Amino acid sequence: MHMRNFMIGQYGQFDHKKYKRDFKKGFYGIEACLLAAEEDVQTLQREAQVKGFQIGVHFPLRAGKSPFRDALFMHPDDGLRSEAFALVERELQYMQVLKPVYVLFHYPKPVILDDRVDWQEWRFADASEYVFESEYSISAFVERSERLFAWLSEKGEAYQFVPVLEFDALNRYVYETDVVEKLLMKYPKIKLCLDSGRLFLQDKIDPHFDSRRVVKMYAKYAWSLHLWTMKATDVFSHNHYPVLPACKPEFGWAPIEDYLRIVREINSDVKIMFEHRSELIDDKQLMTCYTWVEQLLYGERERADS
């Protein structure tokens, strides 16, 4: 099986049951986030050494080190911005023992929201996580993004990891200008993470947004794809549901097949991080999920190569 780019997540704790069930031989690695206990970090480190897989970190690695979940690198307040950089520096020093191959941060953070859109379906833990476009100029966005890219490039070099920026909710600065693309070309060590569920949700609530266009625009810079689906009918449901061939767009599910076909054409080497609630399905469905994604990304090409 061609699953060398597949990953599972361990969020909140090192869940042995999930590890035993979800992680398959030949998988690329595990993405860890918000681990509550030192012991979880040690278990992750030990398993990676024994089994020979890679570790990725979805910042923050450890829970409780900051009042905010994400590093507010782009905050209008100078003090909060400085704190974010200092916090990340401390955590990068701590992570040295794990030697993560990449560290992922949400970007932009705070999220810059398009004033024209009703965002009530977007789940924010705290009001510090977002700001409206009308209060955040494009020049501030350009300047703070440049500083972030330069800083993360330098830290990636110093601590030997790939800095990965995961798109959160997106506004016009990201999808109607070439600001981010220019920065990605100027700082080629920095990569992106696209999130299938977020892209689909924004497609549904934001009439100005086209998720397939965004995938096409940014796939070549992607290090990873956070893969999960949800259902949007007159209500939103099945959050972080595993992707399955039976979950078709005509029934309200995300167009996973379209996303994967676009990615395959542009950058089929992308890592697939299954950011789903695998406990919602049985073992057979889980294998269907893996084999379907494998088929969509590598299927006929493998046969053509052999």
C-alpha atoms as a PDB file:
ATOM      1  CA  MET A   1       0.000   0.000   0.000  1.00  0.00           C
ATOM      2  CA  HIS A   2       1.116   3.515  -0.840  1.00  0.00           C
ATOM      3  CA  MET A   3       0.607   5.174   2.538  1.00  0.00           C
ATOM      4  CA  ARG A   4       4.086   6.534   3.153  1.00  0.00           C
ATOM      5  CA  ASN A   5       2.680  10.091   3.296  1.00  0.00           C
ATOM      6  CA  PHE A   6      -0.162   9.316   5.718  1.00  0.00           C
ATOM      7  CA  MET A   7      -0.297  10.669   9.253  1.00  0.00           C
ATOM      8  CA  ILE A   8      -2.590  10.503  12.242  1.00  0.00           C
ATOM      9  CA  GLY A   9      -3.080  13.137  14.925  1.00  0.00           C
ATOM     10  CA  GLN A  10      -2.646  12.823  18.675  1.00  0.00           C
ATOM     11  CA  TYR A  11      -4.406  15.809  20.210  1.00  0.00           C
ATOM     12  CA  GLY A  12      -4.717  16.398  23.949  1.00  0.00           C
ATOM     13  CA  GLN A  13      -2.996  13.173  24.943  1.00  0.00           C
ATOM     14  CA  PHE A  14      -1.134  10.192  23.551  1.00  0.00           C
ATOM     15  CA  ASP A  15      -4.124   7.933  23.008  1.00  0.00           C
ATOM     16  CA  HIS A  16      -2.829   4.335  22.933  1.00  0.00           C
ATOM     17  CA  LYS A  17      -6.109   2.933  21.660  1.00  0.00           C
ATOM     18  CA  LYS A  18      -6.195   5.373  18.743  1.00  0.00           C
ATOM     19  CA  TYR A  19      -2.511   4.722  18.007  1.00  0.00           C
ATOM     20  CA  LYS A  20      -3.022   0.964  17.920  1.00  0.00           C
ATOM     21  CA  ARG A  21      -6.107   1.199  15.722  1.00  0.00           C
ATOM     22  CA  ASP A  22      -5.384   4.128  13.394  1.00  0.00           C
ATOM     23  CA  PHE A  23      -1.641   4.054  12.823  1.00  0.00           C
ATOM     24  CA  LYS A  24      -0.640   1.572  10.125  1.00  0.00           C
ATOM     25  CA  LYS A  25       2.742   0.143   9.173  1.00  0.00           C
ATOM     26  CA  GLY A  26       4.456   2.410   6.672  1.00  0.00           C
ATOM     27  CA  PHE A  27       2.684   5.610   7.751  1.00  0.00           C
ATOM     28  CA  TYR A  28       4.825   8.746   7.678  1.00  0.00           C
ATOM     29  CA  GLY A  29       4.207   9.917  11.221  1.00  0.00           C
ATOM     30  CA  ILE A  30       2.119  11.481  13.960  1.00  0.00           C
ATOM     31  CA  GLU A  31       1.092  15.109  14.438  1.00  0.00           C
ATOM     32  CA  ALA A  32       0.912  16.037  18.123  1.00  0.00           C
ATOM     33  CA  CYS A  33      -0.904  18.976  19.686  1.00  0.00           C
ATOM     34  CA  LEU A  34      -1.829  20.242  23.171  1.00  0.00           C
ATOM     35  CA  LEU A  35      -0.403  17.236  25.028  1.00  0.00           C
ATOM     36  CA  ALA A  36      -1.468  17.599  28.632  1.00  0.00           C
ATOM     37  CA  ALA A  37       1.255  15.570  30.375  1.00  0.00           C
ATOM     38  CA  GLU A  38       5.030  15.233  30.113  1.00  0.00           C
ATOM     39  CA  GLU A  39       4.503  11.494  29.972  1.00  0.00           C
ATOM     40  CA  ASP A  40       2.589  11.872  26.662  1.00  0.00           C
ATOM     41  CA  VAL A  41       5.555  13.679  25.124  1.00  0.00           C
ATOM     42  CA  GLN A  42       7.907  10.935  26.319  1.00  0.00           C
ATOM     43  CA  THR A  43       5.640   8.193  24.929  1.00  0.00           C
ATOM     44  CA  LEU A  44       5.524   9.931  21.557  1.00  0.00           C
ATOM     45  CA  GLN A  45       9.305  10.278  21.499  1.00  0.00           C
ATOM     46  CA  ARG A  46       9.827   6.616  22.458  1.00  0.00           C
ATOM     47  CA  GLU A  47       7.331   5.260  19.904  1.00  0.00           C
ATOM     48  CA  ALA A  48       8.837   7.369  17.115  1.00  0.00           C
ATOM     49  CA  GLN A  49      12.292   5.978  17.880  1.00  0.00           C
ATOM     50  CA  VAL A  50      11.131   2.359  18.145  1.00  0.00           C
ATOM     51  CA  LYS A  51       8.838   2.413  15.098  1.00  0.00           C
ATOM     52  CA  GLY A  52      10.898   4.833  13.029  1.00  0.00           C
ATOM     53  CA  PHE A  53       8.191   7.363  12.206  1.00  0.00           C
ATOM     54  CA  GLN A  54       8.391  11.157  12.009  1.00  0.00           C
ATOM     55  CA  ILE A  55       6.920  13.603  14.502  1.00  0.00           C
ATOM     56  CA  GLY A  56       5.095  16.757  13.447  1.00  0.00           C
ATOM     57  CA  VAL A  57       3.922  19.367  15.923  1.00  0.00           C
ATOM     58  CA  HIS A  58       0.683  21.294  15.570  1.00  0.00           C
ATOM     59  CA  PHE A  59       1.506  24.279  17.785  1.00  0.00           C
ATOM     60  CA  PRO A  60       1.235  24.247  20.738  1.00  0.00           C
ATOM     61  CA  LEU A  61       2.778  20.896  21.593  1.00  0.00           C
ATOM     62  CA  ARG A  62       1.968  21.302  25.292  1.00  0.00           C
ATOM     63  CA  ALA A  63      -1.285  22.439  26.812  1.00  0.00           C
ATOM     64  CA  GLY A  64      -1.474  25.251  29.359  1.00  0.00           C
ATOM     65  CA  LYS A  65       1.630  27.222  28.397  1.00  0.00           C
ATOM     66  CA  SER A  66      -0.311  30.256  27.218  1.00  0.00           C
ATOM     67  CA  PRO A  67      -3.759  31.765  27.784  1.00  0.00           C
ATOM     68  CA  PHE A  68      -4.320  31.528  23.993  1.00  0.00           C
ATOM     69  CA  ARG A  69      -4.273  28.322  22.020  1.00  0.00           C
ATOM     70  CA  ASP A  70      -2.592  29.817  18.935  1.00  0.00           C
ATOM     71  CA  ALA A  71       0.389  32.100  18.694  1.00  0.00           C
ATOM     72  CA  LEU A  72      -1.074  35.558  17.913  1.00  0.00           C
ATOM     73  CA  PHE A  73       1.834  36.510  15.624  1.00  0.00           C
ATOM     74  CA  MET A  74      -0.207  39.050  13.683  1.00  0.00           C
ATOM     75  CA  HIS A  75      -2.012  40.776  16.559  1.00  0.00           C
ATOM     76  CA  PRO A  76      -2.480  44.556  16.282  1.00  0.00           C
ATOM     77  CA  ASP A  77      -1.194  44.903  19.872  1.00  0.00           C
ATOM     78  CA  ASP A  78       2.629  45.102  19.958  1.00  0.00           C
ATOM     79  CA  GLY A  79       2.809  43.486  23.383  1.00  0.00           C
ATOM     80  CA  LEU A  80       0.713  40.465  22.411  1.00  0.00           C
ATOM     81  CA  ARG A  81       2.764  40.035  19.237  1.00  0.00           C
ATOM     82  CA  SER A  82       6.036  40.070  21.194  1.00  0.00           C
ATOM     83  CA  GLU A  83       4.619  37.563  23.671  1.00  0.00           C
ATOM     84  CA  ALA A  84       3.640  35.240  20.819  1.00  0.00           C
ATOM     85  CA  PHE A  85       7.163  35.232  19.374  1.00  0.00           C
ATOM     86  CA  ALA A  86       8.699  34.687  22.829  1.00  0.00           C
ATOM     87  CA  LEU A  87       6.319  31.816  23.591  1.00  0.00           C
ATOM     88  CA  VAL A  88       7.104  30.059  20.314  1.00  0.00           C
ATOM     89  CA  GLU A  89      10.847  30.466  20.876  1.00  0.00           C
ATOM     90  CA  ARG A  90      10.546  28.812  24.322  1.00  0.00           C
ATOM     91  CA  GLU A  91       8.466  25.965  22.950  1.00  0.00           C
ATOM     92  CA  LEU A  92      10.873  25.395  20.055  1.00  0.00           C
ATOM     93  CA  GLN A  93      13.716  25.034  22.564  1.00  0.00           C
ATOM     94  CA  TYR A  94      11.674  22.533  24.568  1.00  0.00           C
ATOM     95  CA  MET A  95      10.766  20.535  21.427  1.00  0.00           C
ATOM     96  CA  GLN A  96      14.391  19.925  20.562  1.00  0.00           C
ATOM     97  CA  VAL A  97      14.208  16.539  22.301  1.00  0.00           C
ATOM     98  CA  LEU A  98      11.511  15.410  19.836  1.00  0.00           C
ATOM     99  CA  LYS A  99      13.265  16.686  16.703  1.00  0.00           C
ATOM    100  CA  PRO A 100       9.963  17.431  14.926  1.00  0.00           C
ATOM    101  CA  VAL A 101      10.233  17.365  11.158  1.00  0.00           C
ATOM    102  CA  TYR A 102       7.780  20.268  10.993  1.00  0.00           C
ATOM    103  CA  VAL A 103       5.986  22.694  13.308  1.00  0.00           C
ATOM    104  CA  LEU A 104       2.606  24.000  12.190  1.00  0.00           C
ATOM    105  CA  PHE A 105       1.016  27.334  13.146  1.00  0.00           C
ATOM    106  CA  HIS A 106      -2.377  28.797  12.239  1.00  0.00           C
ATOM    107  CA  TYR A 107      -2.134  31.750   9.851  1.00  0.00           C
ATOM    108  CA  PRO A 108      -3.139  34.494   9.852  1.00  0.00           C
ATOM    109  CA  LYS A 109      -3.693  34.695  13.595  1.00  0.00           C
ATOM    110  CA  PRO A 110      -5.722  36.528  14.711  1.00  0.00           C
ATOM    111  CA  VAL A 111      -7.846  35.496  11.750  1.00  0.00           C
ATOM    112  CA  ILE A 112      -8.787  38.447   9.556  1.00  0.00           C
ATOM    113  CA  LEU A 113     -12.502  38.190   8.814  1.00  0.00           C
ATOM    114  CA  ASP A 114     -14.278  39.550   5.772  1.00  0.00           C
ATOM    115  CA  ASP A 115     -16.885  42.039   7.084  1.00  0.00           C
ATOM    116  CA  ARG A 116     -19.345  40.956   4.377  1.00  0.00           C
ATOM    117  CA  VAL A 117     -19.728  37.428   5.800  1.00  0.00           C
ATOM    118  CA  ASP A 118     -21.765  36.006   8.686  1.00  0.00           C
ATOM    119  CA  TRP A 119     -19.171  34.047  10.668  1.00  0.00           C
ATOM    120  CA  GLN A 120     -21.364  32.622  13.423  1.00  0.00           C
ATOM    121  CA  GLU A 121     -20.744  29.024  12.255  1.00  0.00           C
ATOM    122  CA  TRP A 122     -16.967  29.466  12.560  1.00  0.00           C
ATOM    123  CA  ARG A 123     -15.902  28.194  15.943  1.00  0.00           C
ATOM    124  CA  PHE A 124     -13.616  30.605  17.786  1.00  0.00           C
ATOM    125  CA  ALA A 125     -12.554  29.778  21.307  1.00  0.00           C
ATOM    126  CA  ASP A 126     -11.966  33.399  22.184  1.00  0.00           C
ATOM    127  CA  ALA A 127     -12.528  36.922  20.805  1.00  0.00           C
ATOM    128  CA  SER A 128      -8.747  37.466  20.703  1.00  0.00           C
ATOM    129  CA  GLU A 129      -8.623  34.963  17.817  1.00  0.00           C
ATOM    130  CA  TYR A 130     -10.114  37.225  15.175  1.00  0.00           C
ATOM    131  CA  VAL A 131     -10.262  40.786  13.913  1.00  0.00           C
ATOM    132  CA  PHE A 132     -12.315  42.272  11.051  1.00  0.00           C
ATOM    133  CA  GLU A 133     -10.762  43.268   7.750  1.00  0.00           C
ATOM    134  CA  SER A 134     -12.150  46.799   8.137  1.00  0.00           C
ATOM    135  CA  GLU A 135      -9.952  47.191  11.250  1.00  0.00           C
ATOM    136  CA  TYR A 136      -6.847  45.571   9.767  1.00  0.00           C
ATOM    137  CA  SER A 137      -5.223  47.249   6.788  1.00  0.00           C
ATOM    138  CA  ILE A 138      -3.539  45.336   4.001  1.00  0.00           C
ATOM    139  CA  SER A 139      -0.315  47.249   4.735  1.00  0.00           C
ATOM    140  CA  ALA A 140      -0.346  45.909   8.328  1.00  0.00           C
ATOM    141  CA  PHE A 141      -1.035  42.429   6.936  1.00  0.00           C
ATOM    142  CA  VAL A 142       1.913  42.687   4.520  1.00  0.00           C
ATOM    143  CA  GLU A 143       4.310  44.054   7.119  1.00  0.00           C
ATOM    144  CA  ARG A 144       3.429  41.536   9.866  1.00  0.00           C
ATOM    145  CA  SER A 145       3.353  38.605   7.454  1.00  0.00           C
ATOM    146  CA  GLU A 146       6.811  39.545   6.167  1.00  0.00           C
ATOM    147  CA  ARG A 147       8.147  39.681   9.714  1.00  0.00           C
ATOM    148  CA  LEU A 148       6.578  36.293  10.538  1.00  0.00           C
ATOM    149  CA  PHE A 149       7.924  34.591   7.397  1.00  0.00           C
ATOM    150  CA  ALA A 150      11.430  35.962   7.960  1.00  0.00           C
ATOM    151  CA  TRP A 151      11.419  34.943  11.638  1.00  0.00           C
ATOM    152  CA  LEU A 152      10.053  31.446  11.045  1.00  0.00           C
ATOM    153  CA  SER A 153      12.513  30.897   8.198  1.00  0.00           C
ATOM    154  CA  GLU A 154      15.355  31.757  10.546  1.00  0.00           C
ATOM    155  CA  LYS A 155      13.986  29.532  13.352  1.00  0.00           C
ATOM    156  CA  GLY A 156      13.388  26.643  10.950  1.00  0.00           C
ATOM    157  CA  GLU A 157      17.044  26.849  10.019  1.00  0.00           C
ATOM    158  CA  ALA A 158      18.240  27.170  13.619  1.00  0.00           C
ATOM    159  CA  TYR A 159      16.089  24.341  15.020  1.00  0.00           C
ATOM    160  CA  GLN A 160      15.984  22.172  11.887  1.00  0.00           C
ATOM    161  CA  PHE A 161      12.258  21.969  11.185  1.00  0.00           C
ATOM    162  CA  VAL A 162       9.942  22.915   8.323  1.00  0.00           C
ATOM    163  CA  PRO A 163       7.694  25.848   9.343  1.00  0.00           C
ATOM    164  CA  VAL A 164       4.152  25.089   8.145  1.00  0.00           C
ATOM    165  CA  LEU A 165       1.376  27.676   8.121  1.00  0.00           C
ATOM    166  CA  GLU A 166      -2.173  26.319   8.266  1.00  0.00           C
ATOM    167  CA  PHE A 167      -4.752  28.558   6.674  1.00  0.00           C
ATOM    168  CA  ASP A 168      -7.524  29.469   9.081  1.00  0.00           C
ATOM    169  CA  ALA A 169     -10.554  31.426   7.785  1.00  0.00           C
ATOM    170  CA  LEU A 170      -9.364  33.452   4.797  1.00  0.00           C
ATOM    171  CA  ASN A 171     -10.084  36.968   3.661  1.00  0.00           C
ATOM    172  CA  ARG A 172      -9.390  38.851   0.451  1.00  0.00           C
ATOM    173  CA  TYR A 173      -5.781  39.570   1.387  1.00  0.00           C
ATOM    174  CA  VAL A 174      -5.017  35.857   1.027  1.00  0.00           C
ATOM    175  CA  TYR A 175      -7.102  34.845  -1.970  1.00  0.00           C
ATOM    176  CA  GLU A 176      -7.426  38.057  -4.036  1.00  0.00           C
ATOM    177  CA  THR A 177      -3.854  39.369  -3.808  1.00  0.00           C
ATOM    178  CA  ASP A 178      -0.459  37.778  -4.424  1.00  0.00           C
ATOM    179  CA  VAL A 179       0.961  38.887  -1.050  1.00  0.00           C
ATOM    180  CA  VAL A 180       1.175  35.374   0.431  1.00  0.00           C
ATOM    181  CA  GLU A 181       2.384  33.794  -2.791  1.00  0.00           C
ATOM    182  CA  LYS A 182       5.219  36.314  -3.070  1.00  0.00           C
ATOM    183  CA  LEU A 183       6.258  35.573   0.516  1.00  0.00           C
ATOM    184  CA  LEU A 184       6.177  31.811  -0.125  1.00  0.00           C
ATOM    185  CA  MET A 185       8.492  32.356  -3.108  1.00  0.00           C
ATOM    186  CA  LYS A 186      10.783  34.661  -1.154  1.00  0.00           C
ATOM    187  CA  TYR A 187      10.933  32.269   1.840  1.00  0.00           C
ATOM    188  CA  PRO A 188      10.802  28.824   0.164  1.00  0.00           C
ATOM    189  CA  LYS A 189      11.463  26.931   3.409  1.00  0.00           C
ATOM    190  CA  ILE A 190       7.975  27.905   4.619  1.00  0.00           C
ATOM    191  CA  LYS A 191       5.156  25.615   3.543  1.00  0.00           C
ATOM    192  CA  LEU A 192       1.378  25.548   3.921  1.00  0.00           C
ATOM    193  CA  CYS A 193      -1.252  23.248   5.354  1.00  0.00           C
ATOM    194  CA  LEU A 194      -4.647  23.176   3.653  1.00  0.00           C
ATOM    195  CA  ASP A 195      -7.591  21.956   5.720  1.00  0.00           C
ATOM    196  CA  SER A 196     -10.378  20.268   3.754  1.00  0.00           C
ATOM    197  CA  GLY A 197     -13.068  20.831   6.397  1.00  0.00           C
ATOM    198  CA  ARG A 198     -12.275  24.527   6.926  1.00  0.00           C
ATOM    199  CA  LEU A 199     -12.148  25.143   3.177  1.00  0.00           C
ATOM    200  CA  PHE A 200     -15.537  23.506   2.718  1.00  0.00           C
ATOM    201  CA  LEU A 201     -17.120  25.336   5.659  1.00  0.00           C
ATOM    202  CA  GLN A 202     -15.942  28.700   4.323  1.00  0.00           C
ATOM    203  CA  ASP A 203     -17.288  27.752   0.885  1.00  0.00           C
ATOM    204  CA  LYS A 204     -20.680  27.273   2.492  1.00  0.00           C
ATOM    205  CA  ILE A 205     -20.843  30.458   4.594  1.00  0.00           C
ATOM    206  CA  ASP A 206     -18.865  32.891   2.426  1.00  0.00           C
ATOM    207  CA  PRO A 207     -20.398  33.689  -0.994  1.00  0.00           C
ATOM    208  CA  HIS A 208     -17.137  35.365  -2.119  1.00  0.00           C
ATOM    209  CA  PHE A 209     -14.957  32.328  -1.430  1.00  0.00           C
ATOM    210  CA  ASP A 210     -14.139  29.476  -3.811  1.00  0.00           C
ATOM    211  CA  SER A 211     -12.391  26.626  -2.004  1.00  0.00           C
ATOM    212  CA  ARG A 212     -11.367  24.758  -5.176  1.00  0.00           C
ATOM    213  CA  ARG A 213      -9.734  27.905  -6.520  1.00  0.00           C
ATOM    214  CA  VAL A 214      -7.813  28.346  -3.252  1.00  0.00           C
ATOM    215  CA  VAL A 215      -6.634  24.710  -3.349  1.00  0.00           C
ATOM    216  CA  LYS A 216      -5.482  25.213  -6.956  1.00  0.00           C
ATOM    217  CA  MET A 217      -3.743  28.461  -6.052  1.00  0.00           C
ATOM    218  CA  TYR A 218      -1.809  27.140  -3.071  1.00  0.00           C
ATOM    219  CA  ALA A 219      -1.407  23.352  -3.538  1.00  0.00           C
ATOM    220  CA  LYS A 220       2.145  23.643  -4.842  1.00  0.00           C
ATOM    221  CA  TYR A 221       3.247  25.249  -1.560  1.00  0.00           C
ATOM    222  CA  ALA A 222       1.462  22.667   0.613  1.00  0.00           C
ATOM    223  CA  TRP A 223       3.384  20.460   2.998  1.00  0.00           C
ATOM    224  CA  SER A 224       0.252  18.790   4.278  1.00  0.00           C
ATOM    225  CA  LEU A 225      -3.474  18.436   3.929  1.00  0.00           C
ATOM    226  CA  HIS A 226      -5.620  18.108   7.050  1.00  0.00           C
ATOM    227  CA  LEU A 227      -8.236  15.704   5.808  1.00  0.00           C
ATOM    228  CA  TRP A 228     -11.767  15.427   7.216  1.00  0.00           C
ATOM    229  CA  THR A 229     -15.275  16.136   6.081  1.00  0.00           C
ATOM    230  CA  MET A 230     -18.551  17.519   7.370  1.00  0.00           C
ATOM    231  CA  LYS A 231     -22.119  17.770   6.166  1.00  0.00           C
ATOM    232  CA  ALA A 232     -23.823  21.015   5.223  1.00  0.00           C
ATOM    233  CA  THR A 233     -27.541  20.886   4.540  1.00  0.00           C
ATOM    234  CA  ASP A 234     -29.885  23.307   6.283  1.00  0.00           C
ATOM    235  CA  VAL A 235     -27.629  22.708   9.303  1.00  0.00           C
ATOM    236  CA  PHE A 236     -23.937  21.892   9.743  1.00  0.00           C
ATOM    237  CA  SER A 237     -23.270  18.463  11.207  1.00  0.00           C
ATOM    238  CA  HIS A 238     -20.801  15.545  11.353  1.00  0.00           C
ATOM    239  CA  ASN A 239     -17.844  17.754  12.253  1.00  0.00           C
ATOM    240  CA  HIS A 240     -14.427  16.115  11.703  1.00  0.00           C
ATOM    241  CA  TYR A 241     -16.037  13.057  10.118  1.00  0.00           C
ATOM    242  CA  PRO A 242     -13.694  10.666   8.264  1.00  0.00           C
ATOM    243  CA  VAL A 243     -13.724  10.971   4.469  1.00  0.00           C
ATOM    244  CA  LEU A 244     -15.533   8.074   2.806  1.00  0.00           C
ATOM    245  CA  PRO A 245     -16.628   7.452  -0.789  1.00  0.00           C
ATOM    246  CA  ALA A 246     -20.252   7.183   0.414  1.00  0.00           C
ATOM    247  CA  CYS A 247     -20.150  10.774   1.749  1.00  0.00           C
ATOM    248  CA  LYS A 248     -20.950  12.425  -1.567  1.00  0.00           C
ATOM    249  CA  PRO A 249     -21.201  16.168  -2.273  1.00  0.00           C
ATOM    250  CA  GLU A 250     -24.745  15.751  -3.611  1.00  0.00           C
ATOM    251  CA  PHE A 251     -25.798  14.708  -0.093  1.00  0.00           C
ATOM    252  CA  GLY A 252     -24.199  17.821   1.425  1.00  0.00           C
ATOM    253  CA  TRP A 253     -20.688  16.524   2.139  1.00  0.00           C
ATOM    254  CA  ALA A 254     -17.405  18.265   1.240  1.00  0.00           C
ATOM    255  CA  PRO A 255     -16.070  17.710  -2.318  1.00  0.00           C
ATOM    256  CA  ILE A 256     -13.118  15.652  -1.067  1.00  0.00           C
ATOM    257  CA  GLU A 257     -12.572  13.942  -4.393  1.00  0.00           C
ATOM    258  CA  ASP A 258     -12.216  17.317  -6.160  1.00  0.00           C
ATOM    259  CA  TYR A 259      -9.736  18.581  -3.567  1.00  0.00           C
ATOM    260  CA  LEU A 260      -7.612  15.433  -3.806  1.00  0.00           C
ATOM    261  CA  ARG A 261      -7.631  15.441  -7.619  1.00  0.00           C
ATOM    262  CA  ILE A 262      -6.415  19.059  -7.673  1.00  0.00           C
ATOM    263  CA  VAL A 263      -3.698  18.272  -5.124  1.00  0.00           C
ATOM    264  CA  ARG A 264      -2.676  15.141  -7.023  1.00  0.00           C
ATOM    265  CA  GLU A 265      -2.188  17.093 -10.263  1.00  0.00           C
ATOM    266  CA  ILE A 266      -0.105  19.804  -8.632  1.00  0.00           C
ATOM    267  CA  ASN A 267       1.665  18.248  -5.641  1.00  0.00           C
ATOM    268  CA  SER A 268       0.965  14.576  -5.020  1.00  0.00           C
ATOM    269  CA  ASP A 269       3.815  14.374  -2.491  1.00  0.00           C
ATOM    270  CA  VAL A 270       1.765  16.260   0.094  1.00  0.00           C
ATOM    271  CA  LYS A 271       1.382  14.632   3.540  1.00  0.00           C
ATOM    272  CA  ILE A 272      -2.154  13.554   4.384  1.00  0.00           C
ATOM    273  CA  MET A 273      -2.954  14.134   8.053  1.00  0.00           C
ATOM    274  CA  PHE A 274      -6.226  12.431   8.959  1.00  0.00           C
ATOM    275  CA  GLU A 275      -7.677  15.062  11.274  1.00  0.00           C
ATOM    276  CA  HIS A 276     -10.851  13.080  11.802  1.00  0.00           C
ATOM    277  CA  ARG A 277     -12.744  11.446  14.627  1.00  0.00           C
ATOM    278  CA  SER A 278     -12.012   7.865  13.697  1.00  0.00           C
ATOM    279  CA  GLU A 279     -14.118   6.591  16.624  1.00  0.00           C
ATOM    280  CA  LEU A 280     -17.209   7.595  14.624  1.00  0.00           C
ATOM    281  CA  ILE A 281     -16.645   4.718  12.184  1.00  0.00           C
ATOM    282  CA  ASP A 282     -15.787   1.020  12.439  1.00  0.00           C
ATOM    283  CA  ASP A 283     -12.499  -0.700  11.485  1.00  0.00           C
ATOM    284  CA  LYS A 284     -13.707  -1.670   8.033  1.00  0.00           C
ATOM    285  CA  GLN A 285     -14.797   1.903   7.240  1.00  0.00           C
ATOM    286  CA  LEU A 286     -11.464   3.217   8.495  1.00  0.00           C
ATOM    287  CA  MET A 287      -9.627   0.982   6.026  1.00  0.00           C
ATOM    288  CA  THR A 288     -12.040   2.125   3.309  1.00  0.00           C
ATOM    289  CA  CYS A 289     -11.131   5.726   4.173  1.00  0.00           C
ATOM    290  CA  TYR A 290      -7.395   5.002   3.857  1.00  0.00           C
ATOM    291  CA  THR A 291      -7.633   2.955   0.662  1.00  0.00           C
ATOM    292  CA  TRP A 292      -9.973   5.455  -1.026  1.00  0.00           C
ATOM    293  CA  VAL A 293      -7.623   8.368  -0.327  1.00  0.00           C
ATOM    294  CA  GLU A 294      -4.669   6.265  -1.475  1.00  0.00           C
ATOM    295  CA  GLN A 295      -6.523   5.410  -4.693  1.00  0.00           C
ATOM    296  CA  LEU A 296      -7.458   9.048  -5.383  1.00  0.00           C
ATOM    297  CA  LEU A 297      -3.931  10.299  -4.812  1.00  0.00           C
ATOM    298  CA  TYR A 298      -1.842   7.522  -6.319  1.00  0.00           C
ATOM    299  CA  GLY A 299      -4.199   5.061  -8.056  1.00  0.00           C
ATOM    300  CA  GLU A 300      -3.844   4.884 -11.826  1.00  0.00           C
ATOM    301  CA  ARG A 301      -0.477   6.616 -11.756  1.00  0.00           C
ATOM    302  CA  GLU A 302       0.989   3.691  -9.817  1.00  0.00           C
ATOM    303  CA  ARG A 303      -0.332   1.246 -12.392  1.00  0.00           C
ATOM    304  CA  ALA A 304       1.040   3.407 -15.203  1.00  0.00           C
ATOM    305  CA  ASP A 305       4.440   3.447 -13.511  1.00  0.00           C
ATOM    306  CA  SER A 306       4.627  -0.294 -12.989  1.00  0.00           C
END
